[in-house]
Protein backbone atom coordinates (compact mmCIF):
# COMPACT_ATOMS: atom_id res chain seq x y z
CA UNK A 1 120.71 77.38 31.97
CA UNK A 2 118.91 77.10 35.29
CA UNK A 3 121.95 75.55 36.90
CA UNK A 4 124.13 78.35 35.63
CA UNK A 5 121.81 80.96 37.24
CA UNK A 6 121.82 78.94 40.39
CA UNK A 7 125.60 78.91 40.54
CA UNK A 8 125.71 82.61 39.93
CA UNK A 9 123.29 83.22 42.82
CA UNK A 10 125.28 81.00 45.19
CA UNK A 11 128.50 82.71 44.09
CA UNK A 12 127.00 86.07 44.96
CA UNK A 13 125.97 85.19 48.45
CA UNK A 14 129.42 85.76 50.02
CA UNK A 15 129.63 89.16 48.43
CA UNK A 16 126.17 90.15 49.80
CA UNK A 17 127.02 88.93 53.28
CA UNK A 18 130.33 90.77 53.13
CA UNK A 19 128.63 94.01 52.18
CA UNK A 20 126.07 93.69 54.98
CA UNK A 21 128.78 92.94 57.53
CA UNK A 22 130.80 95.99 56.35
CA UNK A 23 127.70 98.23 56.61
CA UNK A 24 126.91 96.94 60.13
CA UNK A 25 130.49 97.48 61.19
CA UNK A 26 130.45 101.01 59.78
CA UNK A 27 127.24 101.85 61.58
CA UNK A 28 128.70 100.59 64.83
CA UNK A 29 131.78 102.67 64.27
CA UNK A 30 129.62 105.72 63.52
CA UNK A 31 127.61 105.15 66.70
CA UNK A 32 130.78 104.81 68.79
CA UNK A 33 132.14 108.04 67.34
CA UNK A 34 128.92 109.84 68.11
CA UNK A 35 128.95 108.67 71.68
CA UNK A 36 132.39 110.16 72.08
CA UNK A 37 131.44 113.49 70.49
CA UNK A 38 131.76 116.30 73.07
CA UNK A 39 128.80 118.54 73.92
CA UNK A 40 127.76 121.36 76.19
CA UNK A 41 124.47 121.37 78.15
CA UNK A 42 122.13 124.33 78.12
CA UNK A 43 118.65 125.06 79.56
CA UNK A 44 116.33 127.73 78.22
CA UNK A 45 114.45 129.04 81.33
CA UNK A 46 112.99 132.05 82.99
CA UNK A 47 114.11 132.11 86.62
CA UNK A 48 113.54 135.78 87.37
CA UNK A 49 110.13 136.41 85.85
CA UNK A 50 111.57 137.74 82.56
CA UNK A 51 111.71 136.14 79.13
CA UNK A 52 113.30 132.68 78.90
CA UNK A 53 117.08 132.78 78.16
CA UNK A 54 119.41 130.00 77.13
CA UNK A 55 121.83 129.28 80.02
CA UNK A 56 124.96 127.21 80.13
CA UNK A 57 125.04 124.40 82.63
CA UNK A 58 128.19 124.35 84.85
CA UNK A 59 129.76 121.98 87.37
CA UNK A 60 130.68 123.18 90.79
CA UNK A 61 131.03 121.64 94.18
CA UNK A 62 129.62 118.27 93.09
CA UNK A 63 126.48 119.56 91.42
CA UNK A 64 125.17 120.61 88.01
CA UNK A 65 124.10 124.23 88.03
CA UNK A 66 122.24 126.62 85.71
CA UNK A 67 124.32 129.72 85.04
CA UNK A 68 121.46 132.20 84.68
CA UNK A 69 122.26 135.97 84.28
CA UNK A 70 120.13 136.77 87.34
CA UNK A 71 121.64 133.90 89.33
CA UNK A 72 125.17 133.49 88.02
CA UNK A 73 127.30 130.44 89.03
CA UNK A 74 131.00 130.78 88.28
CA UNK A 75 131.62 127.11 87.65
CA UNK A 76 133.24 124.90 84.99
CA UNK A 77 131.18 124.65 81.83
CA UNK A 78 129.82 121.16 81.30
CA UNK A 79 131.74 119.55 78.44
CA UNK A 80 130.71 115.91 78.29
CA UNK A 81 130.44 112.78 76.25
CA UNK A 82 129.10 109.23 76.74
CA UNK A 83 131.21 106.48 78.06
CA UNK A 84 130.34 102.84 79.11
CA UNK A 85 129.99 102.75 82.88
CA UNK A 86 132.06 99.88 84.41
CA UNK A 87 129.38 97.63 85.92
CA UNK A 88 127.47 94.42 85.26
CA UNK A 89 124.59 96.42 83.79
CA UNK A 90 126.90 98.00 81.19
CA UNK A 91 124.88 101.22 81.16
CA UNK A 92 125.96 104.00 78.83
CA UNK A 93 127.35 106.48 81.33
CA UNK A 94 128.31 110.11 80.87
CA UNK A 95 131.45 111.98 81.88
CA UNK A 96 132.46 115.62 81.81
CA UNK A 97 135.55 117.67 82.24
CA UNK A 98 135.66 119.50 85.56
CA UNK A 99 138.90 121.36 85.10
CA UNK A 100 141.13 122.33 82.14
CA UNK A 101 144.47 122.76 83.85
CA UNK A 102 145.14 120.14 84.93
CA UNK A 103 142.58 118.28 82.87
CA UNK A 104 140.21 116.24 85.08
CA UNK A 105 137.08 114.14 84.42
CA UNK A 106 134.12 113.15 86.60
CA UNK A 107 131.19 110.79 86.16
CA UNK A 108 127.70 112.45 85.96
CA UNK A 109 125.07 110.68 88.11
CA UNK A 110 121.87 111.22 90.06
CA UNK A 111 122.00 111.03 93.89
CA UNK A 112 119.64 108.30 95.17
CA UNK A 113 118.69 110.38 98.26
CA UNK A 114 117.95 113.89 97.00
CA UNK A 115 117.82 113.23 93.24
CA UNK A 116 120.21 116.03 92.40
CA UNK A 117 122.40 115.70 89.33
CA UNK A 118 125.95 115.39 90.59
CA UNK A 119 129.49 114.80 89.44
CA UNK A 120 132.23 112.80 91.14
CA UNK A 121 134.81 110.05 90.95
CA UNK A 122 134.07 106.41 90.43
CA UNK A 123 133.75 105.81 94.21
CA UNK A 124 131.21 108.64 94.53
CA UNK A 125 128.86 106.90 92.06
CA UNK A 126 128.57 103.60 93.93
CA UNK A 127 125.90 102.82 96.50
CA UNK A 128 122.73 102.73 94.43
CA UNK A 129 122.98 106.09 92.67
CA UNK A 130 121.64 106.38 89.11
CA UNK A 131 124.57 106.26 86.65
CA UNK A 132 122.60 105.77 83.41
CA UNK A 133 121.68 104.94 80.81
CA UNK A 134 122.25 108.43 79.43
CA UNK A 135 121.57 109.06 75.80
CA UNK A 136 119.92 111.55 73.40
CA UNK A 137 116.28 111.97 72.28
CA UNK A 138 114.91 110.76 68.96
CA UNK A 139 115.03 114.34 67.53
CA UNK A 140 118.73 114.41 68.59
CA UNK A 141 118.25 117.59 70.56
CA UNK A 142 117.81 116.72 74.22
CA UNK A 143 119.71 114.82 76.87
CA UNK A 144 117.90 111.74 78.13
CA UNK A 145 118.23 109.59 81.28
CA UNK A 146 116.52 106.22 81.34
CA UNK A 147 114.99 107.08 77.98
CA UNK A 148 113.25 110.36 79.14
CA UNK A 149 114.19 114.00 78.41
CA UNK A 150 111.29 115.52 80.36
CA UNK A 151 112.03 114.65 83.99
CA UNK A 152 114.72 117.16 84.69
CA UNK A 153 113.91 120.05 86.99
CA UNK A 154 115.70 123.25 88.17
CA UNK A 155 115.64 123.61 91.97
CA UNK A 156 116.56 126.80 93.83
CA UNK A 157 119.10 125.99 96.52
CA UNK A 158 119.76 127.63 99.86
CA UNK A 159 122.34 129.95 98.27
CA UNK A 160 119.67 131.27 95.85
CA UNK A 161 121.27 129.59 92.85
CA UNK A 162 119.52 127.02 90.67
CA UNK A 163 120.76 123.36 90.37
CA UNK A 164 119.57 120.50 88.21
CA UNK A 165 117.74 117.47 89.61
CA UNK A 166 116.11 114.38 88.15
CA UNK A 167 112.45 114.23 89.24
CA UNK A 168 111.83 110.57 88.25
CA UNK A 169 108.59 110.20 90.19
CA UNK A 170 107.36 113.77 90.18
CA UNK A 171 107.85 114.21 93.95
CA UNK A 172 110.19 117.19 93.70
CA UNK A 173 107.64 119.25 91.72
CA UNK A 174 104.74 118.11 94.05
CA UNK A 175 106.67 119.19 97.14
CA UNK A 176 107.80 122.53 95.79
CA UNK A 177 106.53 126.05 95.20
CA UNK A 178 106.33 127.51 91.68
CA UNK A 179 109.53 129.22 90.73
CA UNK A 180 110.70 131.84 88.23
CA UNK A 181 108.70 132.29 85.04
CA UNK A 182 108.64 128.69 84.00
CA UNK A 183 110.76 126.44 81.85
CA UNK A 184 108.49 123.51 80.88
CA UNK A 185 105.07 121.99 80.97
CA UNK A 186 104.87 121.24 84.65
CA UNK A 187 103.16 123.26 87.40
CA UNK A 188 104.86 123.37 90.74
CA UNK A 189 101.99 124.62 92.96
CA UNK A 190 99.09 122.18 92.40
CA UNK A 191 97.32 120.98 95.57
CA UNK A 192 99.14 123.56 97.60
CA UNK A 193 97.27 123.05 100.87
CA UNK A 194 97.87 119.31 100.79
CA UNK A 195 101.51 119.76 99.98
CA UNK A 196 101.96 122.24 102.89
CA UNK A 197 100.57 119.72 105.33
CA UNK A 198 102.63 116.85 103.80
CA UNK A 199 105.84 118.83 103.85
CA UNK A 200 105.36 119.90 107.53
CA UNK A 201 105.29 116.18 108.33
CA UNK A 202 108.26 115.46 106.09
CA UNK A 203 110.06 118.42 107.44
CA UNK A 204 109.80 117.12 111.02
CA UNK A 205 111.13 113.77 109.92
CA UNK A 206 113.79 115.44 107.87
CA UNK A 207 115.12 117.34 110.83
CA UNK A 208 115.68 113.98 112.51
CA UNK A 209 117.22 112.23 109.53
CA UNK A 210 119.01 115.17 107.94
CA UNK A 211 117.67 114.23 104.49
CA UNK A 212 114.13 115.55 104.23
CA UNK A 213 114.98 119.13 105.15
CA UNK A 214 116.89 119.74 101.93
CA UNK A 215 113.74 119.00 99.86
CA UNK A 216 111.11 121.12 101.71
CA UNK A 217 109.17 123.65 99.68
CA UNK A 218 111.94 124.85 97.36
CA UNK A 219 111.17 126.69 94.24
CA UNK A 220 111.27 124.26 91.27
CA UNK A 221 110.46 124.27 87.61
CA UNK A 222 110.58 121.65 84.89
CA UNK A 223 113.34 121.95 82.34
CA UNK A 224 114.88 120.11 79.44
CA UNK A 225 118.62 119.93 78.79
CA UNK A 226 119.81 120.75 75.29
CA UNK A 227 122.92 118.95 73.96
CA UNK A 228 124.80 121.65 72.15
CA UNK A 229 127.38 119.78 70.18
CA UNK A 230 130.86 121.23 70.37
CA UNK A 231 131.48 120.66 66.65
CA UNK A 232 127.86 121.02 65.51
CA UNK A 233 127.56 117.24 64.77
CA UNK A 234 124.23 115.59 64.19
CA UNK A 235 123.28 112.06 65.01
CA UNK A 236 120.74 111.16 62.36
CA UNK A 237 123.34 109.13 60.58
CA UNK A 238 123.57 106.95 63.70
CA UNK A 239 119.96 106.67 64.78
CA UNK A 240 116.77 106.34 62.78
CA UNK A 241 114.01 108.95 62.98
CA UNK A 242 112.20 106.92 65.64
CA UNK A 243 115.34 106.69 67.81
CA UNK A 244 116.53 103.50 69.46
């Protein structure tokens, strides 16, 4: 009797392994499908002192902008998805359409010099810029870069419009003035007197190098970027509650 039971157990092993392999393959397929699902980007912010409003993010002239009613930007609405970036690191990159007719795609990346979120061709992304990994937060709501959803900021540019940057080390907020009515937990005007002195020094250097001037005392607020799925898809079936 014991030997019969043992034979039945052994006979059942291939079936169990086959089921596990099928489930694993299905999960990978679901994950791949989710990464290809298209989504818009929005930011809920107050840039004019009024109540926060949800604004579409748009692409124009190589940058990602916030199309706020008080500071409109007539650009192409971000419509992106994830795509493996062709490099040794094999980061999960992100692409977006930049035109509908004819249809065109660009990579989304962060400029290594000014930390602005930009879009461009493959050649534009080389040279040490941050190309990923992009993903989504554990609650499936926010866009993340390098695992964080809370390091994006809105920066007011010379034209008065607001563009998106990646404040990976907090330096953009530290070297800025407070802007609008807020859009996150950060505070842009702490240690103001020290920042003024520091930025005067950086400004002098920037005038010589051409890089520092673009980051002097701009208005800046922390933001988070919401992934508004084009088809209302959720990703819980792909990722566990803790995210991975």
